[in-house]
Amino acid sequence: MESLNIESLSKLMQFSISPAVLISAVGLLLLTVTNRLGRAIDRSRNIVKDLDLSEQTVRGDAVAQLRILVRRASLLRLSVSFLVMSIFFSCLMILFLFLKGSGRTGIDDIVIGTFALNLASLLGAMGFLLADIFLSLNALKIEVARHLRPNEWA
């Protein structure tokens, strides 16, 4: 009887490792996104400082960049929120897997549901991160437009 408990515990640990690895991977993505958010906020503060001291001639480009940075910060905030939800659903999935391993029946659908919510959250976060990347390229185009012709933008 004791070997049966060890075997079932071993299988339970194997099932729980995948969500734990997913938590680690999402944590790295979360680190990346929060770094991008911090840079967008810092850049916004620098532009606001420059706008306070600048001449009227360069204000248009700076204001356009500031609008993009505010939009980027909003997208990145959403991405962070979805990544945190993904980690939350991974933790719930581990909990439900342990409950299932302890003999609870009928929670298979709950495990599948939390996995689906986890993946949906991860996909949402990646969508917002991708939107941020496109916006950051738009801001770059505004900044370099005075020095490059439009056909030189890749």
C-alpha atoms as a PDB file:
ATOM      1  CA  MET A   1       0.000   0.000   0.000  1.00  0.00           C
ATOM      2  CA  GLU A   2       2.866   2.398   0.789  1.00  0.00           C
ATOM      3  CA  SER A   3       4.406   1.975  -2.709  1.00  0.00           C
ATOM      4  CA  LEU A   4       1.053   2.860  -4.230  1.00  0.00           C
ATOM      5  CA  ASN A   5       1.042   6.159  -2.313  1.00  0.00           C
ATOM      6  CA  ILE A   6       4.598   6.903  -3.432  1.00  0.00           C
ATOM      7  CA  GLU A   7       3.675   6.126  -7.041  1.00  0.00           C
ATOM      8  CA  SER A   8       0.599   8.312  -6.945  1.00  0.00           C
ATOM      9  CA  LEU A   9       2.597  11.118  -5.327  1.00  0.00           C
ATOM     10  CA  SER A  10       5.261  10.734  -8.015  1.00  0.00           C
ATOM     11  CA  LYS A  11       2.658  11.030 -10.784  1.00  0.00           C
ATOM     12  CA  LEU A  12       1.102  13.997  -9.056  1.00  0.00           C
ATOM     13  CA  MET A  13       4.482  15.733  -8.913  1.00  0.00           C
ATOM     14  CA  GLN A  14       5.011  15.059 -12.625  1.00  0.00           C
ATOM     15  CA  PHE A  15       1.648  16.651 -13.460  1.00  0.00           C
ATOM     16  CA  SER A  16       2.458  19.651 -11.274  1.00  0.00           C
ATOM     17  CA  ILE A  17       5.856  20.352 -12.817  1.00  0.00           C
ATOM     18  CA  SER A  18       4.450  21.642 -16.112  1.00  0.00           C
ATOM     19  CA  PRO A  19       2.419  24.452 -14.537  1.00  0.00           C
ATOM     20  CA  ALA A  20       5.378  25.304 -12.289  1.00  0.00           C
ATOM     21  CA  VAL A  21       7.652  25.615 -15.332  1.00  0.00           C
ATOM     22  CA  LEU A  22       4.975  27.745 -16.977  1.00  0.00           C
ATOM     23  CA  ILE A  23       5.018  30.048 -13.933  1.00  0.00           C
ATOM     24  CA  SER A  24       8.775  30.447 -14.324  1.00  0.00           C
ATOM     25  CA  ALA A  25       8.515  31.211 -18.037  1.00  0.00           C
ATOM     26  CA  VAL A  26       5.701  33.707 -17.526  1.00  0.00           C
ATOM     27  CA  GLY A  27       7.752  35.288 -14.738  1.00  0.00           C
ATOM     28  CA  LEU A  28      10.542  35.969 -17.218  1.00  0.00           C
ATOM     29  CA  LEU A  29       8.062  37.500 -19.645  1.00  0.00           C
ATOM     30  CA  LEU A  30       6.697  39.592 -16.791  1.00  0.00           C
ATOM     31  CA  LEU A  31      10.199  40.859 -16.061  1.00  0.00           C
ATOM     32  CA  THR A  32      10.644  41.850 -19.704  1.00  0.00           C
ATOM     33  CA  VAL A  33       7.304  43.630 -19.911  1.00  0.00           C
ATOM     34  CA  THR A  34       7.789  45.527 -16.640  1.00  0.00           C
ATOM     35  CA  ASN A  35      11.212  46.661 -17.875  1.00  0.00           C
ATOM     36  CA  ARG A  36       9.609  47.948 -21.087  1.00  0.00           C
ATOM     37  CA  LEU A  37       6.937  49.687 -19.015  1.00  0.00           C
ATOM     38  CA  GLY A  38       9.574  51.341 -16.835  1.00  0.00           C
ATOM     39  CA  ARG A  39      11.455  52.569 -19.890  1.00  0.00           C
ATOM     40  CA  ALA A  40       8.274  53.972 -21.435  1.00  0.00           C
ATOM     41  CA  ILE A  41       7.483  55.819 -18.208  1.00  0.00           C
ATOM     42  CA  ASP A  42      11.038  57.158 -17.893  1.00  0.00           C
ATOM     43  CA  ARG A  43      11.041  58.286 -21.528  1.00  0.00           C
ATOM     44  CA  SER A  44       7.673  60.011 -20.994  1.00  0.00           C
ATOM     45  CA  ARG A  45       9.052  61.904 -18.020  1.00  0.00           C
ATOM     46  CA  ASN A  46      12.083  63.009 -20.037  1.00  0.00           C
ATOM     47  CA  ILE A  47       9.896  64.232 -22.889  1.00  0.00           C
ATOM     48  CA  VAL A  48       7.664  66.156 -20.484  1.00  0.00           C
ATOM     49  CA  LYS A  49      10.751  67.772 -18.972  1.00  0.00           C
ATOM     50  CA  ASP A  50      11.994  68.675 -22.462  1.00  0.00           C
ATOM     51  CA  LEU A  51       8.576  70.059 -23.403  1.00  0.00           C
ATOM     52  CA  ASP A  52       8.627  72.322 -20.380  1.00  0.00           C
ATOM     53  CA  LEU A  53      11.947  73.790 -21.533  1.00  0.00           C
ATOM     54  CA  SER A  54      11.608  73.610 -25.315  1.00  0.00           C
ATOM     55  CA  GLU A  55      10.836  76.012 -28.071  1.00  0.00           C
ATOM     56  CA  GLN A  56       7.550  75.871 -29.933  1.00  0.00           C
ATOM     57  CA  THR A  57       9.169  74.490 -33.128  1.00  0.00           C
ATOM     58  CA  VAL A  58       9.974  71.016 -31.763  1.00  0.00           C
ATOM     59  CA  ARG A  59       6.894  70.599 -29.593  1.00  0.00           C
ATOM     60  CA  GLY A  60       4.841  68.796 -32.267  1.00  0.00           C
ATOM     61  CA  ASP A  61       7.119  65.774 -32.516  1.00  0.00           C
ATOM     62  CA  ALA A  62       7.579  65.567 -28.751  1.00  0.00           C
ATOM     63  CA  VAL A  63       3.834  65.688 -28.127  1.00  0.00           C
ATOM     64  CA  ALA A  64       3.269  62.970 -30.764  1.00  0.00           C
ATOM     65  CA  GLN A  65       5.894  60.791 -29.077  1.00  0.00           C
ATOM     66  CA  LEU A  66       4.366  61.467 -25.679  1.00  0.00           C
ATOM     67  CA  ARG A  67       0.949  60.336 -26.939  1.00  0.00           C
ATOM     68  CA  ILE A  68       2.492  57.123 -28.233  1.00  0.00           C
ATOM     69  CA  LEU A  69       4.334  56.543 -24.951  1.00  0.00           C
ATOM     70  CA  VAL A  70       1.151  56.971 -22.923  1.00  0.00           C
ATOM     71  CA  ARG A  71      -0.618  54.479 -25.198  1.00  0.00           C
ATOM     72  CA  ARG A  72       2.344  52.081 -24.896  1.00  0.00           C
ATOM     73  CA  ALA A  73       2.256  52.329 -21.110  1.00  0.00           C
ATOM     74  CA  SER A  74      -1.456  51.454 -21.169  1.00  0.00           C
ATOM     75  CA  LEU A  75      -0.833  48.439 -23.399  1.00  0.00           C
ATOM     76  CA  LEU A  76       2.045  47.278 -21.239  1.00  0.00           C
ATOM     77  CA  ARG A  77      -0.068  47.648 -18.102  1.00  0.00           C
ATOM     78  CA  LEU A  78      -2.655  45.363 -19.711  1.00  0.00           C
ATOM     79  CA  SER A  79       0.073  42.928 -20.691  1.00  0.00           C
ATOM     80  CA  VAL A  80       1.363  42.846 -17.104  1.00  0.00           C
ATOM     81  CA  SER A  81      -2.175  42.253 -15.840  1.00  0.00           C
ATOM     82  CA  PHE A  82      -2.686  39.335 -18.191  1.00  0.00           C
ATOM     83  CA  LEU A  83       0.687  37.827 -17.277  1.00  0.00           C
ATOM     84  CA  VAL A  84      -0.182  38.016 -13.580  1.00  0.00           C
ATOM     85  CA  MET A  85      -3.535  36.346 -14.334  1.00  0.00           C
ATOM     86  CA  SER A  86      -1.661  33.602 -16.185  1.00  0.00           C
ATOM     87  CA  ILE A  87       0.504  32.969 -13.123  1.00  0.00           C
ATOM     88  CA  PHE A  88      -2.615  32.971 -10.948  1.00  0.00           C
ATOM     89  CA  PHE A  89      -4.288  30.365 -13.156  1.00  0.00           C
ATOM     90  CA  SER A  90      -1.110  28.239 -13.112  1.00  0.00           C
ATOM     91  CA  CYS A  91      -1.199  28.270  -9.322  1.00  0.00           C
ATOM     92  CA  LEU A  92      -4.866  27.319  -9.340  1.00  0.00           C
ATOM     93  CA  MET A  93      -4.119  24.503 -11.749  1.00  0.00           C
ATOM     94  CA  ILE A  94      -1.424  23.133  -9.420  1.00  0.00           C
ATOM     95  CA  LEU A  95      -3.873  23.317  -6.506  1.00  0.00           C
ATOM     96  CA  PHE A  96      -6.576  21.479  -8.449  1.00  0.00           C
ATOM     97  CA  LEU A  97      -4.072  18.848  -9.595  1.00  0.00           C
ATOM     98  CA  PHE A  98      -3.131  18.193  -5.975  1.00  0.00           C
ATOM     99  CA  LEU A  99      -6.798  17.977  -5.030  1.00  0.00           C
ATOM    100  CA  LYS A 100      -7.330  15.533  -7.864  1.00  0.00           C
ATOM    101  CA  GLY A 101      -4.322  13.513  -6.699  1.00  0.00           C
ATOM    102  CA  SER A 102      -5.703  13.373  -3.171  1.00  0.00           C
ATOM    103  CA  GLY A 103      -8.750  11.545  -4.440  1.00  0.00           C
ATOM    104  CA  ARG A 104     -11.165  14.299  -5.369  1.00  0.00           C
ATOM    105  CA  THR A 105     -13.139  13.281  -8.389  1.00  0.00           C
ATOM    106  CA  GLY A 106     -15.011  15.405 -10.851  1.00  0.00           C
ATOM    107  CA  ILE A 107     -12.519  18.250 -11.047  1.00  0.00           C
ATOM    108  CA  ASP A 108     -11.055  17.307 -14.415  1.00  0.00           C
ATOM    109  CA  ASP A 109     -13.141  20.004 -16.083  1.00  0.00           C
ATOM    110  CA  ILE A 110     -11.887  22.573 -13.578  1.00  0.00           C
ATOM    111  CA  VAL A 111      -8.263  21.668 -14.331  1.00  0.00           C
ATOM    112  CA  ILE A 112      -8.920  21.927 -18.062  1.00  0.00           C
ATOM    113  CA  GLY A 113     -10.743  25.225 -17.559  1.00  0.00           C
ATOM    114  CA  THR A 114      -7.914  26.774 -15.556  1.00  0.00           C
ATOM    115  CA  PHE A 115      -5.442  25.611 -18.191  1.00  0.00           C
ATOM    116  CA  ALA A 116      -7.566  27.224 -20.917  1.00  0.00           C
ATOM    117  CA  LEU A 117      -7.817  30.463 -18.917  1.00  0.00           C
ATOM    118  CA  ASN A 118      -4.070  30.348 -18.362  1.00  0.00           C
ATOM    119  CA  LEU A 119      -3.366  30.083 -22.076  1.00  0.00           C
ATOM    120  CA  ALA A 120      -5.954  32.757 -22.926  1.00  0.00           C
ATOM    121  CA  SER A 121      -4.295  35.129 -20.445  1.00  0.00           C
ATOM    122  CA  LEU A 122      -0.879  34.385 -21.902  1.00  0.00           C
ATOM    123  CA  LEU A 123      -2.139  35.001 -25.442  1.00  0.00           C
ATOM    124  CA  GLY A 124      -3.736  38.284 -24.382  1.00  0.00           C
ATOM    125  CA  ALA A 125      -0.482  39.423 -22.775  1.00  0.00           C
ATOM    126  CA  MET A 126       1.491  38.581 -25.901  1.00  0.00           C
ATOM    127  CA  GLY A 127      -1.016  40.487 -28.050  1.00  0.00           C
ATOM    128  CA  PHE A 128      -0.623  43.629 -25.962  1.00  0.00           C
ATOM    129  CA  LEU A 129       3.166  43.240 -25.950  1.00  0.00           C
ATOM    130  CA  LEU A 130       3.177  42.966 -29.738  1.00  0.00           C
ATOM    131  CA  ALA A 131       1.001  46.086 -30.012  1.00  0.00           C
ATOM    132  CA  ASP A 132       3.517  47.911 -27.788  1.00  0.00           C
ATOM    133  CA  ILE A 133       6.376  46.885 -30.046  1.00  0.00           C
ATOM    134  CA  PHE A 134       4.585  48.280 -33.101  1.00  0.00           C
ATOM    135  CA  LEU A 135       3.856  51.537 -31.292  1.00  0.00           C
ATOM    136  CA  SER A 136       7.481  51.855 -30.198  1.00  0.00           C
ATOM    137  CA  LEU A 137       8.515  51.653 -33.849  1.00  0.00           C
ATOM    138  CA  ASN A 138       6.030  54.416 -34.688  1.00  0.00           C
ATOM    139  CA  ALA A 139       7.636  56.601 -32.022  1.00  0.00           C
ATOM    140  CA  LEU A 140      11.054  55.858 -33.483  1.00  0.00           C
ATOM    141  CA  LYS A 141       9.859  56.912 -36.934  1.00  0.00           C
ATOM    142  CA  ILE A 142       8.720  60.257 -35.521  1.00  0.00           C
ATOM    143  CA  GLU A 143      12.100  60.768 -33.905  1.00  0.00           C
ATOM    144  CA  VAL A 144      14.183  59.949 -36.980  1.00  0.00           C
ATOM    145  CA  ALA A 145      11.861  61.483 -39.588  1.00  0.00           C
ATOM    146  CA  ARG A 146      13.897  64.697 -39.727  1.00  0.00           C
ATOM    147  CA  HIS A 147      17.027  62.735 -40.645  1.00  0.00           C
ATOM    148  CA  LEU A 148      15.759  59.979 -42.957  1.00  0.00           C
ATOM    149  CA  ARG A 149      13.556  59.883 -46.013  1.00  0.00           C
ATOM    150  CA  PRO A 150      10.404  57.726 -45.673  1.00  0.00           C
ATOM    151  CA  ASN A 151      11.750  55.135 -48.148  1.00  0.00           C
ATOM    152  CA  GLU A 152      14.749  54.580 -45.847  1.00  0.00           C
ATOM    153  CA  TRP A 153      12.534  53.247 -43.059  1.00  0.00           C
ATOM    154  CA  ALA A 154      12.631  49.490 -43.086  1.00  0.00           C
END
